[in-house]
Amino acid sequence: LGERAVSVSAGAVHNLALAADGALWSWGWGGYGKLGHGNIQNQLLPKKIEALAGQRVVAVSAGGYHSFALTAGGGVWSWGLGEHGRLGHGDDQNQLLPKKVEALAGQ
C-alpha cells in the first residue's frame, strides 16, 4: 500500500484495505466491477481506488460481489454487482466505479 492500513475487509473473492490517510485500496477478482477501478479486471496486488480520491473513507465492507465505503462526511458509496438492488441505487445495475447512495444523503 505504501500507507499504514487501519482496516481491512475480506469478501468472497476480493479484499479492501483502508489506509490511515483515508485512501481505499482493493485487489482480487474484478468481476462485476467490485474492485471499483472502472473495469472488471483482476488485481493481483492492492490498487488505490482513484474514484474516491478527495473523499476521506472511514469504514469499508467487502460483500460477496459488491463493496461499500463510508466517508467522513457521512456519504455511503457502493459498487459491484447490483442484482436485487443490493447497491441501494434503486436499480439492478452493476457499478464499475463507486457511486454515492443518494437515498442516504443527508440522513
N, C-alpha and C. Protein backbone atom coordinates (compact mmCIF):
# COMPACT_ATOMS: atom_id res chain seq x y z
N LEU A 1 0.81 -1.21 0.00
CA LEU A 1 0.00 0.00 0.00
C LEU A 1 0.85 1.26 0.00
N GLY A 2 1.98 1.20 0.63
CA GLY A 2 2.76 2.42 0.79
C GLY A 2 2.21 3.29 1.90
N GLU A 3 1.14 2.86 2.51
CA GLU A 3 0.47 3.57 3.59
C GLU A 3 0.20 2.58 4.72
N ARG A 4 -0.02 3.08 5.91
CA ARG A 4 -0.38 2.21 7.03
C ARG A 4 -1.85 1.86 6.93
N ALA A 5 -2.16 0.56 6.88
CA ALA A 5 -3.55 0.12 6.84
C ALA A 5 -4.16 0.20 8.24
N VAL A 6 -5.39 0.69 8.31
CA VAL A 6 -6.08 0.79 9.59
C VAL A 6 -7.30 -0.11 9.67
N SER A 7 -7.74 -0.63 8.51
CA SER A 7 -8.89 -1.53 8.47
C SER A 7 -8.84 -2.34 7.19
N VAL A 8 -9.30 -3.59 7.28
CA VAL A 8 -9.42 -4.44 6.09
C VAL A 8 -10.77 -5.14 6.12
N SER A 9 -11.23 -5.52 4.93
CA SER A 9 -12.46 -6.29 4.82
C SER A 9 -12.27 -7.31 3.71
N ALA A 10 -12.60 -8.57 4.01
CA ALA A 10 -12.45 -9.64 3.04
C ALA A 10 -13.82 -10.07 2.52
N GLY A 11 -14.00 -10.01 1.21
CA GLY A 11 -15.20 -10.52 0.57
C GLY A 11 -14.96 -11.96 0.15
N ALA A 12 -15.85 -12.50 -0.66
CA ALA A 12 -15.71 -13.89 -1.12
C ALA A 12 -14.45 -14.05 -1.96
N VAL A 13 -14.20 -13.10 -2.85
CA VAL A 13 -13.06 -13.22 -3.77
C VAL A 13 -12.35 -11.89 -4.01
N HIS A 14 -12.56 -10.94 -3.11
CA HIS A 14 -11.83 -9.67 -3.21
C HIS A 14 -11.66 -9.09 -1.81
N ASN A 15 -10.77 -8.12 -1.72
CA ASN A 15 -10.41 -7.53 -0.43
C ASN A 15 -10.32 -6.02 -0.55
N LEU A 16 -10.58 -5.34 0.57
CA LEU A 16 -10.44 -3.90 0.67
C LEU A 16 -9.52 -3.58 1.84
N ALA A 17 -8.70 -2.56 1.67
CA ALA A 17 -7.85 -2.08 2.76
C ALA A 17 -7.98 -0.56 2.84
N LEU A 18 -8.25 -0.08 4.03
CA LEU A 18 -8.37 1.35 4.29
C LEU A 18 -7.06 1.85 4.87
N ALA A 19 -6.48 2.85 4.24
CA ALA A 19 -5.22 3.42 4.70
C ALA A 19 -5.47 4.53 5.72
N ALA A 20 -4.45 4.83 6.51
CA ALA A 20 -4.56 5.85 7.55
C ALA A 20 -4.94 7.22 6.99
N ASP A 21 -4.57 7.48 5.74
CA ASP A 21 -4.88 8.78 5.13
C ASP A 21 -6.28 8.84 4.53
N GLY A 22 -7.08 7.75 4.68
CA GLY A 22 -8.43 7.73 4.16
C GLY A 22 -8.55 7.19 2.75
N ALA A 23 -7.44 6.80 2.15
CA ALA A 23 -7.48 6.21 0.80
C ALA A 23 -7.94 4.76 0.91
N LEU A 24 -8.59 4.28 -0.15
CA LEU A 24 -9.08 2.91 -0.17
C LEU A 24 -8.40 2.13 -1.29
N TRP A 25 -8.00 0.91 -0.97
CA TRP A 25 -7.29 0.03 -1.90
C TRP A 25 -8.08 -1.25 -2.05
N SER A 26 -8.01 -1.88 -3.24
CA SER A 26 -8.70 -3.15 -3.47
C SER A 26 -7.86 -4.08 -4.32
N TRP A 27 -8.14 -5.38 -4.18
CA TRP A 27 -7.47 -6.38 -5.00
C TRP A 27 -8.27 -7.67 -4.97
N GLY A 28 -7.96 -8.55 -5.94
CA GLY A 28 -8.65 -9.83 -6.06
C GLY A 28 -9.35 -9.96 -7.39
N TRP A 29 -10.46 -10.71 -7.40
CA TRP A 29 -11.23 -10.93 -8.63
C TRP A 29 -12.06 -9.69 -8.92
N GLY A 30 -11.95 -9.19 -10.15
CA GLY A 30 -12.60 -7.93 -10.51
C GLY A 30 -13.98 -8.04 -11.10
N GLY A 31 -14.55 -9.25 -11.17
CA GLY A 31 -15.87 -9.43 -11.76
C GLY A 31 -16.91 -8.48 -11.19
N TYR A 32 -17.81 -8.00 -12.04
CA TYR A 32 -18.92 -7.09 -11.71
C TYR A 32 -18.44 -5.69 -11.31
N GLY A 33 -17.14 -5.44 -11.41
CA GLY A 33 -16.62 -4.12 -11.06
C GLY A 33 -16.43 -3.90 -9.57
N LYS A 34 -16.48 -4.97 -8.79
CA LYS A 34 -16.45 -4.81 -7.33
C LYS A 34 -15.15 -4.25 -6.77
N LEU A 35 -14.10 -4.15 -7.60
CA LEU A 35 -12.85 -3.54 -7.11
C LEU A 35 -12.89 -2.02 -7.21
N GLY A 36 -13.83 -1.49 -8.01
CA GLY A 36 -14.02 -0.04 -8.07
C GLY A 36 -13.06 0.71 -8.97
N HIS A 37 -12.44 0.00 -9.93
CA HIS A 37 -11.46 0.64 -10.82
C HIS A 37 -12.01 0.97 -12.20
N GLY A 38 -13.32 0.81 -12.40
CA GLY A 38 -13.92 1.15 -13.67
C GLY A 38 -13.86 0.05 -14.71
N ASN A 39 -13.48 -1.15 -14.29
CA ASN A 39 -13.39 -2.28 -15.21
C ASN A 39 -13.66 -3.57 -14.44
N ILE A 40 -13.51 -4.70 -15.10
CA ILE A 40 -13.72 -5.99 -14.44
C ILE A 40 -12.43 -6.80 -14.38
N GLN A 41 -11.31 -6.11 -14.46
CA GLN A 41 -10.01 -6.79 -14.42
C GLN A 41 -9.65 -7.21 -13.01
N ASN A 42 -8.97 -8.36 -12.93
CA ASN A 42 -8.45 -8.82 -11.64
C ASN A 42 -7.25 -7.97 -11.25
N GLN A 43 -7.03 -7.86 -9.95
CA GLN A 43 -5.85 -7.16 -9.44
C GLN A 43 -5.11 -8.11 -8.52
N LEU A 44 -3.87 -8.43 -8.87
CA LEU A 44 -3.08 -9.35 -8.06
C LEU A 44 -2.41 -8.66 -6.88
N LEU A 45 -2.34 -7.34 -6.93
CA LEU A 45 -1.77 -6.53 -5.84
C LEU A 45 -2.75 -5.42 -5.48
N PRO A 46 -2.70 -4.92 -4.27
CA PRO A 46 -3.58 -3.80 -3.90
C PRO A 46 -3.40 -2.61 -4.84
N LYS A 47 -4.53 -2.02 -5.25
CA LYS A 47 -4.52 -0.84 -6.13
C LYS A 47 -5.46 0.20 -5.54
N LYS A 48 -5.01 1.44 -5.50
CA LYS A 48 -5.82 2.52 -4.94
C LYS A 48 -7.05 2.76 -5.81
N ILE A 49 -8.20 2.96 -5.17
CA ILE A 49 -9.44 3.27 -5.88
C ILE A 49 -9.46 4.78 -6.13
N GLU A 50 -9.03 5.16 -7.31
CA GLU A 50 -8.87 6.58 -7.64
C GLU A 50 -10.20 7.33 -7.67
N ALA A 51 -11.29 6.63 -7.93
CA ALA A 51 -12.60 7.30 -7.99
C ALA A 51 -13.00 7.90 -6.66
N LEU A 52 -12.38 7.46 -5.57
CA LEU A 52 -12.68 8.01 -4.25
C LEU A 52 -11.63 9.03 -3.79
N ALA A 53 -10.74 9.43 -4.69
CA ALA A 53 -9.75 10.46 -4.35
C ALA A 53 -10.50 11.73 -3.95
N GLY A 54 -10.06 12.37 -2.91
CA GLY A 54 -10.74 13.56 -2.41
C GLY A 54 -11.79 13.25 -1.37
N GLN A 55 -12.11 11.98 -1.20
CA GLN A 55 -13.03 11.55 -0.15
C GLN A 55 -12.20 10.88 0.95
N ARG A 56 -12.48 11.19 2.19
CA ARG A 56 -11.80 10.50 3.29
C ARG A 56 -12.68 9.34 3.73
N VAL A 57 -12.27 8.14 3.35
CA VAL A 57 -13.03 6.94 3.71
C VAL A 57 -12.72 6.59 5.16
N VAL A 58 -13.75 6.25 5.94
CA VAL A 58 -13.55 5.93 7.35
C VAL A 58 -13.96 4.50 7.70
N ALA A 59 -14.73 3.85 6.81
CA ALA A 59 -15.13 2.45 7.05
C ALA A 59 -15.40 1.79 5.71
N VAL A 60 -15.15 0.48 5.65
CA VAL A 60 -15.34 -0.28 4.42
C VAL A 60 -15.98 -1.63 4.71
N SER A 61 -16.64 -2.17 3.69
CA SER A 61 -17.18 -3.52 3.79
C SER A 61 -17.14 -4.17 2.41
N ALA A 62 -16.54 -5.35 2.35
CA ALA A 62 -16.50 -6.13 1.11
C ALA A 62 -17.55 -7.22 1.21
N GLY A 63 -18.55 -7.17 0.35
CA GLY A 63 -19.57 -8.21 0.31
C GLY A 63 -19.12 -9.34 -0.60
N GLY A 64 -20.04 -10.23 -0.92
CA GLY A 64 -19.71 -11.33 -1.81
C GLY A 64 -19.24 -10.84 -3.17
N TYR A 65 -20.00 -9.92 -3.77
CA TYR A 65 -19.67 -9.43 -5.11
C TYR A 65 -19.88 -7.92 -5.22
N HIS A 66 -19.83 -7.24 -4.10
CA HIS A 66 -20.00 -5.79 -4.09
C HIS A 66 -19.24 -5.21 -2.90
N SER A 67 -19.10 -3.89 -2.90
CA SER A 67 -18.32 -3.21 -1.86
C SER A 67 -19.03 -1.94 -1.42
N PHE A 68 -18.77 -1.55 -0.18
CA PHE A 68 -19.31 -0.32 0.37
C PHE A 68 -18.20 0.47 1.07
N ALA A 69 -18.32 1.79 1.03
CA ALA A 69 -17.42 2.67 1.77
C ALA A 69 -18.25 3.77 2.42
N LEU A 70 -17.85 4.14 3.62
CA LEU A 70 -18.45 5.25 4.34
C LEU A 70 -17.41 6.35 4.43
N THR A 71 -17.78 7.58 4.05
CA THR A 71 -16.82 8.68 4.09
C THR A 71 -17.02 9.53 5.34
N ALA A 72 -16.02 10.35 5.63
CA ALA A 72 -16.03 11.17 6.85
C ALA A 72 -17.24 12.09 6.90
N GLY A 73 -17.73 12.52 5.76
CA GLY A 73 -18.89 13.39 5.72
C GLY A 73 -20.22 12.66 5.83
N GLY A 74 -20.17 11.35 6.01
CA GLY A 74 -21.38 10.55 6.15
C GLY A 74 -21.91 9.96 4.86
N GLY A 75 -21.20 10.16 3.76
CA GLY A 75 -21.63 9.59 2.48
C GLY A 75 -21.42 8.09 2.43
N VAL A 76 -22.38 7.39 1.85
CA VAL A 76 -22.27 5.95 1.64
C VAL A 76 -22.09 5.72 0.14
N TRP A 77 -21.08 4.97 -0.22
CA TRP A 77 -20.74 4.69 -1.61
C TRP A 77 -20.78 3.19 -1.82
N SER A 78 -21.28 2.75 -2.98
CA SER A 78 -21.32 1.32 -3.27
C SER A 78 -20.95 1.07 -4.72
N TRP A 79 -20.48 -0.16 -4.99
CA TRP A 79 -20.10 -0.55 -6.35
C TRP A 79 -20.01 -2.07 -6.42
N GLY A 80 -20.07 -2.58 -7.66
CA GLY A 80 -20.03 -4.01 -7.89
C GLY A 80 -21.35 -4.53 -8.42
N LEU A 81 -21.72 -5.75 -8.03
CA LEU A 81 -22.93 -6.41 -8.52
C LEU A 81 -24.18 -5.72 -7.97
N GLY A 82 -25.04 -5.26 -8.88
CA GLY A 82 -26.24 -4.54 -8.46
C GLY A 82 -27.49 -5.38 -8.35
N GLU A 83 -27.40 -6.65 -8.64
CA GLU A 83 -28.54 -7.56 -8.62
C GLU A 83 -29.36 -7.42 -7.33
N HIS A 84 -30.68 -7.45 -7.49
CA HIS A 84 -31.63 -7.37 -6.37
C HIS A 84 -31.57 -6.03 -5.63
N GLY A 85 -31.02 -5.01 -6.27
CA GLY A 85 -30.97 -3.69 -5.66
C GLY A 85 -29.98 -3.55 -4.52
N ARG A 86 -29.06 -4.49 -4.41
CA ARG A 86 -28.15 -4.53 -3.24
C ARG A 86 -27.26 -3.30 -3.08
N LEU A 87 -27.08 -2.51 -4.16
CA LEU A 87 -26.21 -1.34 -4.06
C LEU A 87 -26.92 -0.10 -3.54
N GLY A 88 -28.27 -0.15 -3.52
CA GLY A 88 -29.03 0.98 -2.97
C GLY A 88 -29.27 2.13 -3.92
N HIS A 89 -29.14 1.88 -5.23
CA HIS A 89 -29.33 2.95 -6.21
C HIS A 89 -30.69 2.91 -6.89
N GLY A 90 -31.57 2.03 -6.42
CA GLY A 90 -32.91 1.97 -6.99
C GLY A 90 -33.00 1.20 -8.28
N ASP A 91 -31.98 0.42 -8.60
CA ASP A 91 -32.00 -0.40 -9.82
C ASP A 91 -31.18 -1.67 -9.59
N ASP A 92 -31.04 -2.45 -10.64
CA ASP A 92 -30.26 -3.70 -10.57
C ASP A 92 -28.95 -3.60 -11.33
N GLN A 93 -28.53 -2.38 -11.66
CA GLN A 93 -27.35 -2.19 -12.49
C GLN A 93 -26.05 -2.41 -11.70
N ASN A 94 -25.10 -3.07 -12.37
CA ASN A 94 -23.76 -3.18 -11.80
C ASN A 94 -23.09 -1.81 -11.87
N GLN A 95 -22.22 -1.54 -10.93
CA GLN A 95 -21.46 -0.29 -10.91
C GLN A 95 -19.98 -0.62 -10.93
N LEU A 96 -19.28 -0.13 -11.96
CA LEU A 96 -17.84 -0.39 -12.07
C LEU A 96 -17.01 0.58 -11.25
N LEU A 97 -17.62 1.68 -10.82
CA LEU A 97 -16.96 2.70 -10.01
C LEU A 97 -17.83 2.99 -8.79
N PRO A 98 -17.22 3.43 -7.71
CA PRO A 98 -18.01 3.82 -6.54
C PRO A 98 -19.05 4.88 -6.91
N LYS A 99 -20.27 4.68 -6.44
CA LYS A 99 -21.37 5.62 -6.68
C LYS A 99 -22.05 5.92 -5.35
N LYS A 100 -22.29 7.20 -5.11
CA LYS A 100 -22.90 7.61 -3.85
C LYS A 100 -24.34 7.11 -3.78
N VAL A 101 -24.74 6.58 -2.64
CA VAL A 101 -26.11 6.14 -2.41
C VAL A 101 -26.92 7.37 -2.02
N GLU A 102 -27.61 7.94 -3.00
CA GLU A 102 -28.31 9.21 -2.80
C GLU A 102 -29.45 9.11 -1.80
N ALA A 103 -30.07 7.93 -1.67
CA ALA A 103 -31.18 7.76 -0.73
C ALA A 103 -30.73 7.98 0.72
N LEU A 104 -29.43 7.87 0.98
CA LEU A 104 -28.90 8.06 2.33
C LEU A 104 -28.23 9.42 2.51
N ALA A 105 -28.18 10.21 1.45
CA ALA A 105 -27.53 11.53 1.54
C ALA A 105 -28.29 12.41 2.52
N GLY A 106 -27.59 12.99 3.44
CA GLY A 106 -28.20 13.90 4.40
C GLY A 106 -28.96 13.21 5.53
N GLN A 107 -28.92 11.91 5.58
CA GLN A 107 -29.65 11.18 6.62
C GLN A 107 -28.82 11.10 7.90
